[in-house]
C-alpha atoms as a PDB file:
ATOM      1  CA  MET A   1     277.548 174.616 140.743  1.00  0.00           C
ATOM      2  CA  LYS A   2     274.922 175.658 138.179  1.00  0.00           C
ATOM      3  CA  ILE A   3     277.511 175.549 135.397  1.00  0.00           C
ATOM      4  CA  ILE A   4     278.630 172.051 136.442  1.00  0.00           C
ATOM      5  CA  PHE A   5     275.019 170.871 136.624  1.00  0.00           C
ATOM      6  CA  LEU A   6     274.247 172.228 133.134  1.00  0.00           C
ATOM      7  CA  LYS A   7     277.332 170.500 131.725  1.00  0.00           C
ATOM      8  CA  ILE A   8     276.193 167.176 133.210  1.00  0.00           C
ATOM      9  CA  VAL A   9     272.692 167.593 131.764  1.00  0.00           C
ATOM     10  CA  LEU A  10     274.144 168.444 128.348  1.00  0.00           C
ATOM     11  CA  LEU A  11     276.394 165.372 128.440  1.00  0.00           C
ATOM     12  CA  VAL A  12     273.439 163.127 129.292  1.00  0.00           C
ATOM     13  CA  LEU A  13     271.399 164.582 126.428  1.00  0.00           C
ATOM     14  CA  ILE A  14     274.237 164.045 123.952  1.00  0.00           C
ATOM     15  CA  MET A  15     274.649 160.433 125.069  1.00  0.00           C
ATOM     16  CA  THR A  16     270.892 159.851 124.808  1.00  0.00           C
ATOM     17  CA  VAL A  17     270.688 161.199 121.270  1.00  0.00           C
ATOM     18  CA  SER A  18     273.761 159.254 120.170  1.00  0.00           C
ATOM     19  CA  CYS A  19     272.303 155.932 121.279  1.00  0.00           C
ATOM     20  CA  GLY A  20     269.704 155.823 118.516  1.00  0.00           C
ATOM     21  CA  ASP A  21     271.829 157.125 115.651  1.00  0.00           C
ATOM     22  CA  ASP A  22     273.492 153.886 114.540  1.00  0.00           C
ATOM     23  CA  GLY A  23     270.472 151.582 114.811  1.00  0.00           C
ATOM     24  CA  THR A  24     271.791 149.745 117.829  1.00  0.00           C
ATOM     25  CA  GLY A  25     270.631 151.743 120.838  1.00  0.00           C
ATOM     26  CA  SER A  26     272.327 151.414 124.208  1.00  0.00           C
ATOM     27  CA  GLU A  27     273.665 148.098 125.469  1.00  0.00           C
ATOM     28  CA  GLY A  28     270.997 145.511 126.188  1.00  0.00           C
ATOM     29  CA  THR A  29     268.172 147.351 124.480  1.00  0.00           C
ATOM     30  CA  VAL A  30     267.721 145.811 121.017  1.00  0.00           C
ATOM     31  CA  ILE A  31     266.840 142.364 119.727  1.00  0.00           C
ATOM     32  CA  TRP A  32     268.765 142.770 116.460  1.00  0.00           C
ATOM     33  CA  PRO A  33     271.578 145.356 116.353  1.00  0.00           C
ATOM     34  CA  LEU A  34     271.798 147.139 113.006  1.00  0.00           C
ATOM     35  CA  THR A  35     275.174 148.438 111.865  1.00  0.00           C
ATOM     36  CA  VAL A  36     276.113 148.996 108.225  1.00  0.00           C
ATOM     37  CA  GLY A  37     278.589 146.337 107.126  1.00  0.00           C
ATOM     38  CA  TYR A  38     277.680 143.794 109.803  1.00  0.00           C
ATOM     39  CA  ARG A  39     277.063 140.173 108.719  1.00  0.00           C
ATOM     40  CA  TRP A  40     275.558 137.067 110.287  1.00  0.00           C
ATOM     41  CA  VAL A  41     276.925 134.095 108.333  1.00  0.00           C
ATOM     42  CA  GLY A  42     275.624 130.571 108.735  1.00  0.00           C
ATOM     43  CA  THR A  43     274.734 127.303 107.039  1.00  0.00           C
ATOM     44  CA  MET A  44     271.294 126.761 105.523  1.00  0.00           C
ATOM     45  CA  ASN A  45     270.072 123.157 105.299  1.00  0.00           C
ATOM     46  CA  GLU A  46     267.016 122.207 103.256  1.00  0.00           C
ATOM     47  CA  TYR A  47     265.000 119.046 103.878  1.00  0.00           C
ATOM     48  CA  ASP A  48     262.263 117.135 102.105  1.00  0.00           C
ATOM     49  CA  PRO A  49     259.030 116.173 103.911  1.00  0.00           C
ATOM     50  CA  TYR A  50     260.663 112.940 105.100  1.00  0.00           C
ATOM     51  CA  GLY A  51     263.592 114.620 106.842  1.00  0.00           C
ATOM     52  CA  VAL A  52     266.151 113.899 104.123  1.00  0.00           C
ATOM     53  CA  LEU A  53     268.757 116.630 103.579  1.00  0.00           C
ATOM     54  CA  VAL A  54     268.487 117.791  99.968  1.00  0.00           C
ATOM     55  CA  ASN A  55     270.657 120.915  99.952  1.00  0.00           C
ATOM     56  CA  SER A  56     273.165 122.770 102.131  1.00  0.00           C
ATOM     57  CA  TYR A  57     274.847 126.114 101.486  1.00  0.00           C
ATOM     58  CA  GLN A  58     276.222 129.275 103.069  1.00  0.00           C
ATOM     59  CA  TYR A  59     273.557 131.850 103.809  1.00  0.00           C
ATOM     60  CA  GLU A  60     274.006 135.222 105.446  1.00  0.00           C
ATOM     61  CA  PHE A  61     272.195 138.308 106.662  1.00  0.00           C
ATOM     62  CA  HIS A  62     274.026 141.509 105.742  1.00  0.00           C
ATOM     63  CA  VAL A  63     273.261 145.120 106.673  1.00  0.00           C
ATOM     64  CA  ARG A  64     274.160 146.644 103.312  1.00  0.00           C
ATOM     65  CA  ASN A  65     273.485 150.360 103.805  1.00  0.00           C
ATOM     66  CA  THR A  66     270.886 152.859 104.979  1.00  0.00           C
ATOM     67  CA  ASN A  67     268.033 154.607 103.239  1.00  0.00           C
ATOM     68  CA  THR A  68     266.336 157.785 104.424  1.00  0.00           C
ATOM     69  CA  ILE A  69     262.572 157.831 103.967  1.00  0.00           C
ATOM     70  CA  SER A  70     260.504 160.758 105.263  1.00  0.00           C
ATOM     71  CA  ASN A  71     263.460 161.952 107.358  1.00  0.00           C
ATOM     72  CA  LYS A  72     263.837 158.550 109.045  1.00  0.00           C
ATOM     73  CA  THR A  73     266.842 156.260 108.661  1.00  0.00           C
ATOM     74  CA  TRP A  74     266.117 152.648 107.699  1.00  0.00           C
ATOM     75  CA  TYR A  75     268.759 149.921 107.599  1.00  0.00           C
ATOM     76  CA  VAL A  76     268.758 147.745 104.484  1.00  0.00           C
ATOM     77  CA  LEU A  77     269.066 144.081 105.506  1.00  0.00           C
ATOM     78  CA  GLU A  78     269.763 141.637 102.685  1.00  0.00           C
ATOM     79  CA  THR A  79     269.949 137.856 102.707  1.00  0.00           C
ATOM     80  CA  VAL A  80     272.739 136.491 100.530  1.00  0.00           C
ATOM     81  CA  ALA A  81     273.237 132.872  99.445  1.00  0.00           C
ATOM     82  CA  LEU A  82     276.559 131.251  98.552  1.00  0.00           C
ATOM     83  CA  ASP A  83     276.143 132.140  94.860  1.00  0.00           C
ATOM     84  CA  ASP A  84     275.685 135.809  95.818  1.00  0.00           C
ATOM     85  CA  THR A  85     271.988 135.694  95.013  1.00  0.00           C
ATOM     86  CA  VAL A  86     270.383 138.563  96.924  1.00  0.00           C
ATOM     87  CA  THR A  87     266.785 138.221  97.999  1.00  0.00           C
ATOM     88  CA  TYR A  88     264.307 141.048  98.479  1.00  0.00           C
ATOM     89  CA  PRO A  89     265.868 143.415 101.043  1.00  0.00           C
ATOM     90  CA  GLN A  90     264.140 144.448 104.244  1.00  0.00           C
ATOM     91  CA  PHE A  91     264.145 148.028 105.453  1.00  0.00           C
ATOM     92  CA  LEU A  92     264.443 147.907 109.253  1.00  0.00           C
ATOM     93  CA  ALA A  93     264.795 150.302 112.172  1.00  0.00           C
ATOM     94  CA  ASN A  94     265.061 149.806 115.921  1.00  0.00           C
ATOM     95  CA  GLN A  95     262.483 151.678 117.980  1.00  0.00           C
ATOM     96  CA  ASP A  96     261.491 151.636 121.638  1.00  0.00           C
ATOM     97  CA  ASP A  97     259.144 148.663 121.187  1.00  0.00           C
ATOM     98  CA  GLY A  98     261.343 146.589 118.883  1.00  0.00           C
ATOM     99  CA  ILE A  99     262.305 146.350 115.222  1.00  0.00           C
ATOM    100  CA  TRP A 100     260.001 147.950 112.680  1.00  0.00           C
ATOM    101  CA  ALA A 101     259.909 147.159 108.972  1.00  0.00           C
ATOM    102  CA  TYR A 102     259.118 149.564 106.151  1.00  0.00           C
ATOM    103  CA  TYR A 103     257.051 148.397 103.176  1.00  0.00           C
ATOM    104  CA  PHE A 104     256.713 149.847  99.704  1.00  0.00           C
ATOM    105  CA  ALA A 105     253.284 149.831  98.063  1.00  0.00           C
ATOM    106  CA  THR A 106     253.012 147.563  95.024  1.00  0.00           C
ATOM    107  CA  GLU A 107     250.269 146.689  92.560  1.00  0.00           C
ATOM    108  CA  LYS A 108     249.505 143.607  94.661  1.00  0.00           C
ATOM    109  CA  SER A 109     249.617 145.556  97.932  1.00  0.00           C
ATOM    110  CA  ALA A 110     248.241 148.961  96.984  1.00  0.00           C
ATOM    111  CA  SER A 111     246.711 149.350 100.453  1.00  0.00           C
ATOM    112  CA  ALA A 112     249.868 148.332 102.280  1.00  0.00           C
ATOM    113  CA  VAL A 113     250.808 150.080 105.498  1.00  0.00           C
ATOM    114  CA  SER A 114     254.026 152.050 105.292  1.00  0.00           C
ATOM    115  CA  SER A 115     255.590 150.364 108.334  1.00  0.00           C
ATOM    116  CA  SER A 116     254.744 148.035 111.204  1.00  0.00           C
ATOM    117  CA  LEU A 117     256.286 146.298 114.192  1.00  0.00           C
ATOM    118  CA  TRP A 118     258.173 143.182 113.055  1.00  0.00           C
ATOM    119  CA  LEU A 119     260.050 141.922 116.153  1.00  0.00           C
ATOM    120  CA  GLU A 120     258.665 143.105 119.485  1.00  0.00           C
ATOM    121  CA  TYR A 121     261.282 143.874 122.124  1.00  0.00           C
ATOM    122  CA  PRO A 122     261.100 143.978 125.103  1.00  0.00           C
ATOM    123  CA  ALA A 123     258.718 141.072 124.782  1.00  0.00           C
ATOM    124  CA  THR A 124     256.529 138.796 126.893  1.00  0.00           C
ATOM    125  CA  VAL A 125     255.803 135.158 126.114  1.00  0.00           C
ATOM    126  CA  ASP A 126     252.546 134.711 124.149  1.00  0.00           C
ATOM    127  CA  ASP A 127     252.442 138.331 123.005  1.00  0.00           C
ATOM    128  CA  SER A 128     250.986 138.392 119.498  1.00  0.00           C
ATOM    129  CA  TYR A 129     250.371 141.091 116.919  1.00  0.00           C
ATOM    130  CA  LEU A 130     249.819 141.536 113.194  1.00  0.00           C
ATOM    131  CA  THR A 131     252.695 142.431 110.931  1.00  0.00           C
ATOM    132  CA  GLY A 132     253.568 142.540 107.232  1.00  0.00           C
ATOM    133  CA  ALA A 133     252.660 144.983 104.490  1.00  0.00           C
ATOM    134  CA  ASP A 134     249.039 143.826 104.482  1.00  0.00           C
ATOM    135  CA  GLN A 135     248.947 143.055 108.210  1.00  0.00           C
ATOM    136  CA  ASN A 136     248.189 139.434 107.333  1.00  0.00           C
ATOM    137  CA  ILE A 137     250.987 137.736 109.276  1.00  0.00           C
ATOM    138  CA  THR A 138     250.517 136.824 112.928  1.00  0.00           C
ATOM    139  CA  ALA A 139     253.710 137.329 114.914  1.00  0.00           C
ATOM    140  CA  ARG A 140     253.944 135.558 118.274  1.00  0.00           C
ATOM    141  CA  VAL A 141     256.564 135.549 121.000  1.00  0.00           C
ATOM    142  CA  ALA A 142     257.017 131.826 121.673  1.00  0.00           C
ATOM    143  CA  SER A 143     259.802 132.126 124.257  1.00  0.00           C
ATOM    144  CA  THR A 144     262.213 134.579 125.844  1.00  0.00           C
ATOM    145  CA  ASP A 145     264.702 132.044 127.214  1.00  0.00           C
ATOM    146  CA  ALA A 146     265.002 129.187 124.716  1.00  0.00           C
ATOM    147  CA  ILE A 147     268.485 127.682 124.647  1.00  0.00           C
ATOM    148  CA  VAL A 148     270.194 127.205 121.282  1.00  0.00           C
ATOM    149  CA  THR A 149     273.449 125.243 121.326  1.00  0.00           C
ATOM    150  CA  LEU A 150     276.036 126.069 118.677  1.00  0.00           C
ATOM    151  CA  THR A 151     279.712 125.153 118.370  1.00  0.00           C
ATOM    152  CA  SER A 152     280.498 128.558 119.892  1.00  0.00           C
ATOM    153  CA  GLY A 153     278.389 127.905 122.994  1.00  0.00           C
ATOM    154  CA  ASP A 154     274.867 128.061 124.417  1.00  0.00           C
ATOM    155  CA  TYR A 155     272.653 131.061 123.717  1.00  0.00           C
ATOM    156  CA  SER A 156     269.486 132.194 125.509  1.00  0.00           C
ATOM    157  CA  CYS A 157     267.102 133.321 122.788  1.00  0.00           C
ATOM    158  CA  HIS A 158     263.882 135.154 122.164  1.00  0.00           C
ATOM    159  CA  VAL A 159     261.793 133.057 119.764  1.00  0.00           C
ATOM    160  CA  TYR A 160     259.350 134.620 117.308  1.00  0.00           C
ATOM    161  CA  THR A 161     256.995 132.757 114.979  1.00  0.00           C
ATOM    162  CA  MET A 162     255.630 134.397 111.832  1.00  0.00           C
ATOM    163  CA  THR A 163     252.452 132.706 110.580  1.00  0.00           C
ATOM    164  CA  PRO A 164     250.678 133.935 107.419  1.00  0.00           C
ATOM    165  CA  GLN A 165     246.896 133.996 107.700  1.00  0.00           C
ATOM    166  CA  VAL A 166     246.246 131.280 105.104  1.00  0.00           C
ATOM    167  CA  SER A 167     244.852 127.754 105.310  1.00  0.00           C
ATOM    168  CA  PHE A 168     248.188 125.902 105.185  1.00  0.00           C
ATOM    169  CA  PRO A 169     250.865 128.399 106.145  1.00  0.00           C
ATOM    170  CA  THR A 170     254.635 128.165 105.939  1.00  0.00           C
ATOM    171  CA  VAL A 171     255.794 129.319 109.370  1.00  0.00           C
ATOM    172  CA  GLU A 172     259.092 131.116 109.921  1.00  0.00           C
ATOM    173  CA  THR A 173     260.644 130.823 113.390  1.00  0.00           C
ATOM    174  CA  PHE A 174     263.395 133.243 114.424  1.00  0.00           C
ATOM    175  CA  TYR A 175     265.765 132.665 117.353  1.00  0.00           C
ATOM    176  CA  LEU A 176     267.473 135.889 118.364  1.00  0.00           C
ATOM    177  CA  VAL A 177     269.876 136.862 121.138  1.00  0.00           C
ATOM    178  CA  PRO A 178     269.496 140.448 122.405  1.00  0.00           C
ATOM    179  CA  ASP A 179     272.374 142.654 121.212  1.00  0.00           C
ATOM    180  CA  LEU A 180     273.706 139.822 119.026  1.00  0.00           C
ATOM    181  CA  GLY A 181     270.916 139.099 116.556  1.00  0.00           C
ATOM    182  CA  PRO A 182     269.887 135.859 114.838  1.00  0.00           C
ATOM    183  CA  VAL A 183     271.475 132.532 115.735  1.00  0.00           C
ATOM    184  CA  LYS A 184     268.868 130.171 114.292  1.00  0.00           C
ATOM    185  CA  LEU A 185     266.069 130.220 111.722  1.00  0.00           C
ATOM    186  CA  ALA A 186     263.642 127.351 111.192  1.00  0.00           C
ATOM    187  CA  THR A 187     261.004 127.139 108.466  1.00  0.00           C
ATOM    188  CA  TYR A 188     258.067 124.751 108.747  1.00  0.00           C
ATOM    189  CA  ALA A 189     256.153 124.022 105.551  1.00  0.00           C
ATOM    190  CA  PRO A 190     252.976 121.964 104.997  1.00  0.00           C
ATOM    191  CA  GLY A 191     253.805 118.393 103.992  1.00  0.00           C
ATOM    192  CA  PRO A 192     251.936 115.989 101.694  1.00  0.00           C
ATOM    193  CA  ASP A 193     249.243 115.450 104.330  1.00  0.00           C
ATOM    194  CA  ASP A 194     249.371 119.147 105.359  1.00  0.00           C
ATOM    195  CA  THR A 195     251.314 118.286 108.507  1.00  0.00           C
ATOM    196  CA  PRO A 196     254.067 120.865 109.067  1.00  0.00           C
ATOM    197  CA  TYR A 197     257.633 119.625 108.657  1.00  0.00           C
ATOM    198  CA  LEU A 198     261.042 121.266 109.033  1.00  0.00           C
ATOM    199  CA  SER A 199     261.892 122.392 105.496  1.00  0.00           C
ATOM    200  CA  ARG A 200     264.791 124.778 106.196  1.00  0.00           C
ATOM    201  CA  LEU A 201     267.185 125.208 109.114  1.00  0.00           C
ATOM    202  CA  TRP A 202     269.802 127.959 109.383  1.00  0.00           C
ATOM    203  CA  LEU A 203     272.396 128.065 112.170  1.00  0.00           C
ATOM    204  CA  LEU A 204     274.862 130.866 112.814  1.00  0.00           C
ATOM    205  CA  ASP A 205     278.536 130.082 112.181  1.00  0.00           C
ATOM    206  CA  TYR A 206     279.973 133.538 112.880  1.00  0.00           C
ATOM    207  CA  SER A 207     279.119 137.223 112.835  1.00  0.00           C
ATOM    208  CA  GLY A 208     281.118 140.404 112.417  1.00  0.00           C
ATOM    209  CA  MET A 209     281.934 143.352 110.195  1.00  0.00           C
ATOM    210  CA  SER A 210     282.659 142.807 106.484  1.00  0.00           C
ATOM    211  CA  GLN A 211     286.323 142.608 105.623  1.00  0.00           C
END
């Protein structure tokens, strides 16, 4: 009986360790699963302050690879436009309290923190915290059950707003489905009279591993 019991304990330990190795955790535990090669492809629409569509193009999030920093694995998330223009990559990792981001010190951010919580999960509505390299962005959980309707169906989303601590901020709003990732991104910029308007809207078309 002791041998059987020890085997069961060992199996549980192996399963527990394995859960965190690929950046995804066990089922139902992460807000944005991270797997090298996975893509979230959608359409980005850009609008002027009067609601007129001025541009539309394919835009995707792509987990390119991993990078080990101080013995910790970080997943490199890039955003790629239709013309293959790659923006500044994010270094992300899932932890027990959500997704953390790693920041590199620069001349402009010499006092930057090395990492901070980016997307809290599990989360409670109205939770707020500081994030960003200089801890100058206020993250807020706006909802945990907002419905986003896409051609593929209805999705219950966690909604996070990212508001820089400046006079007239451009606010990023992320809509994420646990264990699926992003399905919608909305950017609100200050208009001519400083009233926020929807300047960019991204909706998920499909997701999956790179071919």
